[in-house]
PDB file of N, CA and C in Angstrom:
ATOM      1  N   UNK A   1      47.577  85.883  38.626  1.00  0.00           N
ATOM      2  CA  UNK A   1      46.299  86.848  38.166  1.00  0.00           C
ATOM      3  C   UNK A   1      46.267  88.306  39.077  1.00  0.00           C
ATOM      4  N   UNK A   2      45.462  89.105  38.843  1.00  0.00           N
ATOM      5  CA  UNK A   2      45.863  90.553  39.238  1.00  0.00           C
ATOM      6  C   UNK A   2      45.220  91.049  40.323  1.00  0.00           C
ATOM      7  N   UNK A   3      43.473  90.226  40.436  1.00  0.00           N
ATOM      8  CA  UNK A   3      42.267  90.446  41.222  1.00  0.00           C
ATOM      9  C   UNK A   3      42.717  90.965  42.497  1.00  0.00           C
ATOM     10  N   UNK A   4      42.120  91.923  42.903  1.00  0.00           N
ATOM     11  CA  UNK A   4      41.768  92.794  44.256  1.00  0.00           C
ATOM     12  C   UNK A   4      41.174  91.867  44.975  1.00  0.00           C
ATOM     13  N   UNK A   5      40.901  92.409  46.703  1.00  0.00           N
ATOM     14  CA  UNK A   5      40.576  91.289  47.181  1.00  0.00           C
ATOM     15  C   UNK A   5      39.729  92.730  47.807  1.00  0.00           C
ATOM     16  N   UNK A   6      38.196  91.876  48.205  1.00  0.00           N
ATOM     17  CA  UNK A   6      37.632  93.235  49.148  1.00  0.00           C
ATOM     18  C   UNK A   6      37.820  92.794  50.887  1.00  0.00           C
ATOM     19  N   UNK A   7      37.597  94.122  51.762  1.00  0.00           N
ATOM     20  CA  UNK A   7      37.491  93.786  53.107  1.00  0.00           C
ATOM     21  C   UNK A   7      36.827  94.894  53.613  1.00  0.00           C
ATOM     22  N   UNK A   8      35.949  94.169  54.883  1.00  0.00           N
ATOM     23  CA  UNK A   8      35.251  95.197  55.256  1.00  0.00           C
ATOM     24  C   UNK A   8      35.530  95.655  56.428  1.00  0.00           C
ATOM     25  N   UNK A   9      35.987  97.189  57.053  1.00  0.00           N
ATOM     26  CA  UNK A   9      36.356  97.960  57.417  1.00  0.00           C
ATOM     27  C   UNK A   9      35.147  97.843  58.632  1.00  0.00           C
ATOM     28  N   UNK A  10      35.024  97.402  59.880  1.00  0.00           N
ATOM     29  CA  UNK A  10      34.153  97.634  61.084  1.00  0.00           C
ATOM     30  C   UNK A  10      34.838  97.334  62.070  1.00  0.00           C
ATOM     31  N   UNK A  11      34.408  97.990  63.263  1.00  0.00           N
ATOM     32  CA  UNK A  11      35.463  98.447  64.507  1.00  0.00           C
ATOM     33  C   UNK A  11      36.943  98.200  64.559  1.00  0.00           C
ATOM     34  N   UNK A  12      37.205  98.694  63.760  1.00  0.00           N
ATOM     35  CA  UNK A  12      38.997  99.103  63.006  1.00  0.00           C
ATOM     36  C   UNK A  12      39.039  97.733  62.648  1.00  0.00           C
ATOM     37  N   UNK A  13      38.724  97.210  62.342  1.00  0.00           N
ATOM     38  CA  UNK A  13      39.148  96.033  62.382  1.00  0.00           C
ATOM     39  C   UNK A  13      38.778  95.700  60.193  1.00  0.00           C
ATOM     40  N   UNK A  14      39.843  95.044  59.836  1.00  0.00           N
ATOM     41  CA  UNK A  14      39.526  94.594  58.266  1.00  0.00           C
ATOM     42  C   UNK A  14      39.110  92.946  58.656  1.00  0.00           C
ATOM     43  N   UNK A  15      37.484  93.174  57.559  1.00  0.00           N
ATOM     44  CA  UNK A  15      37.377  91.635  57.634  1.00  0.00           C
ATOM     45  C   UNK A  15      37.322  90.839  56.132  1.00  0.00           C
ATOM     46  N   UNK A  16      37.672  89.980  55.249  1.00  0.00           N
ATOM     47  CA  UNK A  16      37.654  89.964  54.338  1.00  0.00           C
ATOM     48  C   UNK A  16      36.374  89.586  53.743  1.00  0.00           C
ATOM     49  N   UNK A  17      35.637  89.971  52.404  1.00  0.00           N
ATOM     50  CA  UNK A  17      34.433  89.728  51.824  1.00  0.00           C
ATOM     51  C   UNK A  17      34.399  88.907  51.158  1.00  0.00           C
ATOM     52  N   UNK A  18      35.524  89.283  49.905  1.00  0.00           N
ATOM     53  CA  UNK A  18      35.459  88.429  48.769  1.00  0.00           C
ATOM     54  C   UNK A  18      36.781  88.581  48.406  1.00  0.00           C
ATOM     55  N   UNK A  19      37.630  87.419  48.031  1.00  0.00           N
ATOM     56  CA  UNK A  19      39.224  87.367  47.170  1.00  0.00           C
ATOM     57  C   UNK A  19      38.729  87.525  45.454  1.00  0.00           C
ATOM     58  N   UNK A  20      39.435  87.549  44.760  1.00  0.00           N
ATOM     59  CA  UNK A  20      39.625  87.708  43.305  1.00  0.00           C
ATOM     60  C   UNK A  20      38.510  88.347  42.895  1.00  0.00           C
ATOM     61  N   UNK A  21      38.653  89.823  43.334  1.00  0.00           N
ATOM     62  CA  UNK A  21      36.989  90.015  42.799  1.00  0.00           C
ATOM     63  C   UNK A  21      37.854  90.499  41.347  1.00  0.00           C
ATOM     64  N   UNK A  22      36.032  90.499  40.695  1.00  0.00           N
ATOM     65  CA  UNK A  22      36.176  90.884  39.714  1.00  0.00           C
ATOM     66  C   UNK A  22      35.072  92.221  39.123  1.00  0.00           C
ATOM     67  N   UNK A  23      34.093  92.355  39.649  1.00  0.00           N
ATOM     68  CA  UNK A  23      33.076  93.310  39.700  1.00  0.00           C
ATOM     69  C   UNK A  23      32.660  94.032  40.941  1.00  0.00           C
ATOM     70  N   UNK A  24      32.571  95.339  40.855  1.00  0.00           N
ATOM     71  CA  UNK A  24      32.618  96.628  41.874  1.00  0.00           C
ATOM     72  C   UNK A  24      31.580  97.465  41.188  1.00  0.00           C
ATOM     73  N   UNK A  25      30.054  97.115  41.346  1.00  0.00           N
ATOM     74  CA  UNK A  25      29.167  97.809  40.838  1.00  0.00           C
ATOM     75  C   UNK A  25      28.319  98.507  41.748  1.00  0.00           C
ATOM     76  N   UNK A  26      27.996 100.048  41.019  1.00  0.00           N
ATOM     77  CA  UNK A  26      26.909 100.533  42.142  1.00  0.00           C
ATOM     78  C   UNK A  26      25.369 100.362  41.869  1.00  0.00           C
ATOM     79  N   UNK A  27      24.591  99.777  42.497  1.00  0.00           N
ATOM     80  CA  UNK A  27      23.290  99.336  41.873  1.00  0.00           C
ATOM     81  C   UNK A  27      22.025 100.160  42.583  1.00  0.00           C
ATOM     82  N   UNK A  28      22.516 101.030  43.831  1.00  0.00           N
ATOM     83  CA  UNK A  28      21.465 101.955  44.157  1.00  0.00           C
ATOM     84  C   UNK A  28      22.697 103.423  44.798  1.00  0.00           C
ATOM     85  N   UNK A  29      21.730 104.175  45.232  1.00  0.00           N
ATOM     86  CA  UNK A  29      22.496 104.886  46.187  1.00  0.00           C
ATOM     87  C   UNK A  29      23.418 104.336  47.276  1.00  0.00           C
ATOM     88  N   UNK A  30      22.949 103.353  47.886  1.00  0.00           N
ATOM     89  CA  UNK A  30      23.317 102.720  49.251  1.00  0.00           C
ATOM     90  C   UNK A  30      23.862 101.438  48.869  1.00  0.00           C
ATOM     91  N   UNK A  31      23.607 100.692  47.414  1.00  0.00           N
ATOM     92  CA  UNK A  31      24.004  99.445  47.937  1.00  0.00           C
ATOM     93  C   UNK A  31      25.149  99.242  46.766  1.00  0.00           C
ATOM     94  N   UNK A  32      26.029  98.045  46.987  1.00  0.00           N
ATOM     95  CA  UNK A  32      27.172  97.802  45.736  1.00  0.00           C
ATOM     96  C   UNK A  32      26.901  96.513  45.981  1.00  0.00           C
ATOM     97  N   UNK A  33      27.664  95.625  44.183  1.00  0.00           N
ATOM     98  CA  UNK A  33      27.067  94.208  44.297  1.00  0.00           C
ATOM     99  C   UNK A  33      29.039  94.255  44.246  1.00  0.00           C
ATOM    100  N   UNK A  34      29.226  93.155  44.364  1.00  0.00           N
ATOM    101  CA  UNK A  34      30.479  92.795  44.416  1.00  0.00           C
ATOM    102  C   UNK A  34      30.375  91.181  43.893  1.00  0.00           C
ATOM    103  N   UNK A  35      31.517  90.755  42.843  1.00  0.00           N
ATOM    104  CA  UNK A  35      31.415  89.346  42.450  1.00  0.00           C
ATOM    105  C   UNK A  35      32.507  89.086  42.145  1.00  0.00           C
ATOM    106  N   UNK A  36      33.378  87.743  42.598  1.00  0.00           N
ATOM    107  CA  UNK A  36      34.724  87.563  42.740  1.00  0.00           C
ATOM    108  C   UNK A  36      34.206  86.508  41.028  1.00  0.00           C
ATOM    109  N   UNK A  37      35.865  86.228  40.630  1.00  0.00           N
ATOM    110  CA  UNK A  37      35.760  85.369  39.292  1.00  0.00           C
ATOM    111  C   UNK A  37      35.132  84.252  38.998  1.00  0.00           C
ATOM    112  N   UNK A  38      34.592  83.550  39.955  1.00  0.00           N
ATOM    113  CA  UNK A  38      33.768  82.428  40.203  1.00  0.00           C
ATOM    114  C   UNK A  38      32.399  82.644  40.073  1.00  0.00           C
ATOM    115  N   UNK A  39      31.935  83.895  40.300  1.00  0.00           N
ATOM    116  CA  UNK A  39      30.586  83.752  40.172  1.00  0.00           C
ATOM    117  C   UNK A  39      30.005  84.157  41.707  1.00  0.00           C
ATOM    118  N   UNK A  40      30.982  84.165  42.626  1.00  0.00           N
ATOM    119  CA  UNK A  40      29.902  84.508  43.722  1.00  0.00           C
ATOM    120  C   UNK A  40      29.800  85.756  44.032  1.00  0.00           C
ATOM    121  N   UNK A  41      28.381  86.204  44.320  1.00  0.00           N
ATOM    122  CA  UNK A  41      28.289  87.643  44.261  1.00  0.00           C
ATOM    123  C   UNK A  41      27.582  88.613  45.706  1.00  0.00           C
ATOM    124  N   UNK A  42      27.958  89.038  46.337  1.00  0.00           N
ATOM    125  CA  UNK A  42      27.441  90.118  47.661  1.00  0.00           C
ATOM    126  C   UNK A  42      26.801  91.365  47.072  1.00  0.00           C
ATOM    127  N   UNK A  43      25.747  91.678  47.637  1.00  0.00           N
ATOM    128  CA  UNK A  43      24.833  92.969  47.628  1.00  0.00           C
ATOM    129  C   UNK A  43      24.819  93.268  49.009  1.00  0.00           C
ATOM    130  N   UNK A  44      25.500  94.358  49.207  1.00  0.00           N
ATOM    131  CA  UNK A  44      26.145  95.062  50.555  1.00  0.00           C
ATOM    132  C   UNK A  44      25.460  96.492  50.487  1.00  0.00           C
ATOM    133  N   UNK A  45      25.304  97.027  51.715  1.00  0.00           N
ATOM    134  CA  UNK A  45      25.436  98.755  51.958  1.00  0.00           C
ATOM    135  C   UNK A  45      26.531  99.458  52.479  1.00  0.00           C
ATOM    136  N   UNK A  46      27.237  99.207  51.205  1.00  0.00           N
ATOM    137  CA  UNK A  46      28.347  99.715  51.652  1.00  0.00           C
ATOM    138  C   UNK A  46      29.057 100.737  50.960  1.00  0.00           C
ATOM    139  N   UNK A  47      30.375 101.581  51.075  1.00  0.00           N
ATOM    140  CA  UNK A  47      30.982 102.355  50.157  1.00  0.00           C
ATOM    141  C   UNK A  47      32.517 102.365  50.434  1.00  0.00           C
ATOM    142  N   UNK A  48      33.416 102.451  49.036  1.00  0.00           N
ATOM    143  CA  UNK A  48      34.692 102.741  49.255  1.00  0.00           C
ATOM    144  C   UNK A  48      35.277 103.511  49.929  1.00  0.00           C
ATOM    145  N   UNK A  49      36.070 103.102  50.777  1.00  0.00           N
ATOM    146  CA  UNK A  49      37.049 103.758  51.672  1.00  0.00           C
ATOM    147  C   UNK A  49      38.260 103.760  51.040  1.00  0.00           C
ATOM    148  N   UNK A  50      39.118 103.113  50.694  1.00  0.00           N
ATOM    149  CA  UNK A  50      40.134 102.962  50.458  1.00  0.00           C
ATOM    150  C   UNK A  50      40.220 102.239  49.518  1.00  0.00           C
ATOM    151  N   UNK A  51      41.057 102.696  48.254  1.00  0.00           N
ATOM    152  CA  UNK A  51      41.237 101.480  46.858  1.00  0.00           C
ATOM    153  C   UNK A  51      42.961 101.510  46.498  1.00  0.00           C
ATOM    154  N   UNK A  52      43.567 100.527  47.053  1.00  0.00           N
ATOM    155  CA  UNK A  52      45.119 100.473  46.683  1.00  0.00           C
ATOM    156  C   UNK A  52      45.297  99.904  45.377  1.00  0.00           C
ATOM    157  N   UNK A  53      45.824  99.574  44.566  1.00  0.00           N
ATOM    158  CA  UNK A  53      46.038  98.893  43.355  1.00  0.00           C
ATOM    159  C   UNK A  53      47.545  98.147  43.211  1.00  0.00           C
ATOM    160  N   UNK A  54      47.946  99.265  44.180  1.00  0.00           N
ATOM    161  CA  UNK A  54      49.454  98.088  44.774  1.00  0.00           C
ATOM    162  C   UNK A  54      49.050  96.874  45.215  1.00  0.00           C
ATOM    163  N   UNK A  55      48.346  97.284  46.502  1.00  0.00           N
ATOM    164  CA  UNK A  55      48.151  95.959  46.873  1.00  0.00           C
ATOM    165  C   UNK A  55      47.162  95.297  46.798  1.00  0.00           C
ATOM    166  N   UNK A  56      46.563  95.509  45.550  1.00  0.00           N
ATOM    167  CA  UNK A  56      45.031  94.216  45.465  1.00  0.00           C
ATOM    168  C   UNK A  56      44.347  94.550  46.432  1.00  0.00           C
ATOM    169  N   UNK A  57      44.095  95.317  47.062  1.00  0.00           N
ATOM    170  CA  UNK A  57      42.590  95.907  48.197  1.00  0.00           C
ATOM    171  C   UNK A  57      42.311  96.802  47.912  1.00  0.00           C
ATOM    172  N   UNK A  58      40.828  96.585  48.318  1.00  0.00           N
ATOM    173  CA  UNK A  58      39.296  97.451  47.896  1.00  0.00           C
ATOM    174  C   UNK A  58      39.062  97.385  49.448  1.00  0.00           C
ATOM    175  N   UNK A  59      39.037  98.266  50.221  1.00  0.00           N
ATOM    176  CA  UNK A  59      38.293  98.644  51.776  1.00  0.00           C
ATOM    177  C   UNK A  59      37.189  99.146  51.533  1.00  0.00           C
ATOM    178  N   UNK A  60      35.825  98.543  52.060  1.00  0.00           N
ATOM    179  CA  UNK A  60      35.132  99.071  52.164  1.00  0.00           C
ATOM    180  C   UNK A  60      34.431  99.355  53.601  1.00  0.00           C
ATOM    181  N   UNK A  61      33.364 100.289  53.586  1.00  0.00           N
ATOM    182  CA  UNK A  61      32.689 100.512  55.187  1.00  0.00           C
ATOM    183  C   UNK A  61      31.221 100.395  55.341  1.00  0.00           C
ATOM    184  N   UNK A  62      30.662 100.153  56.385  1.00  0.00           N
ATOM    185  CA  UNK A  62      29.527  99.761  55.805  1.00  0.00           C
ATOM    186  C   UNK A  62      28.497 101.031  56.310  1.00  0.00           C
ATOM    187  N   UNK A  63      27.550 101.634  55.566  1.00  0.00           N
ATOM    188  CA  UNK A  63      26.996 102.762  55.382  1.00  0.00           C
ATOM    189  C   UNK A  63      26.059 103.057  56.831  1.00  0.00           C
ATOM    190  N   UNK A  64      25.839 103.697  57.336  1.00  0.00           N
ATOM    191  CA  UNK A  64      25.300 104.302  58.715  1.00  0.00           C
ATOM    192  C   UNK A  64      24.057 104.664  58.122  1.00  0.00           C
ATOM    193  N   UNK A  65      22.958 104.078  58.843  1.00  0.00           N
ATOM    194  CA  UNK A  65      21.629 104.398  58.987  1.00  0.00           C
ATOM    195  C   UNK A  65      21.349 105.415  59.477  1.00  0.00           C
ATOM    196  N   UNK A  66      20.250 106.441  58.838  1.00  0.00           N
ATOM    197  CA  UNK A  66      19.911 107.424  59.933  1.00  0.00           C
ATOM    198  C   UNK A  66      18.694 107.113  61.039  1.00  0.00           C
ATOM    199  N   UNK A  67      19.242 108.112  62.210  1.00  0.00           N
ATOM    200  CA  UNK A  67      18.060 107.873  62.856  1.00  0.00           C
ATOM    201  C   UNK A  67      16.530 107.959  62.760  1.00  0.00           C
TER     202      UNK A  67
END
């Protein structure tokens, strides 16, 4: 299978969010929905930082809140 894994970049470190990612969907201006092939779902305030098809890896970063 060729699903990608989703990682969150925080403080310079990559933390695994979901493996076997199936769906990446923008819900609103500041939220994204991630769903894996088993139906596990996460809705987060993130944006795509880097997407690598070769590495099967999507790197997200959290959105900064306005002061």
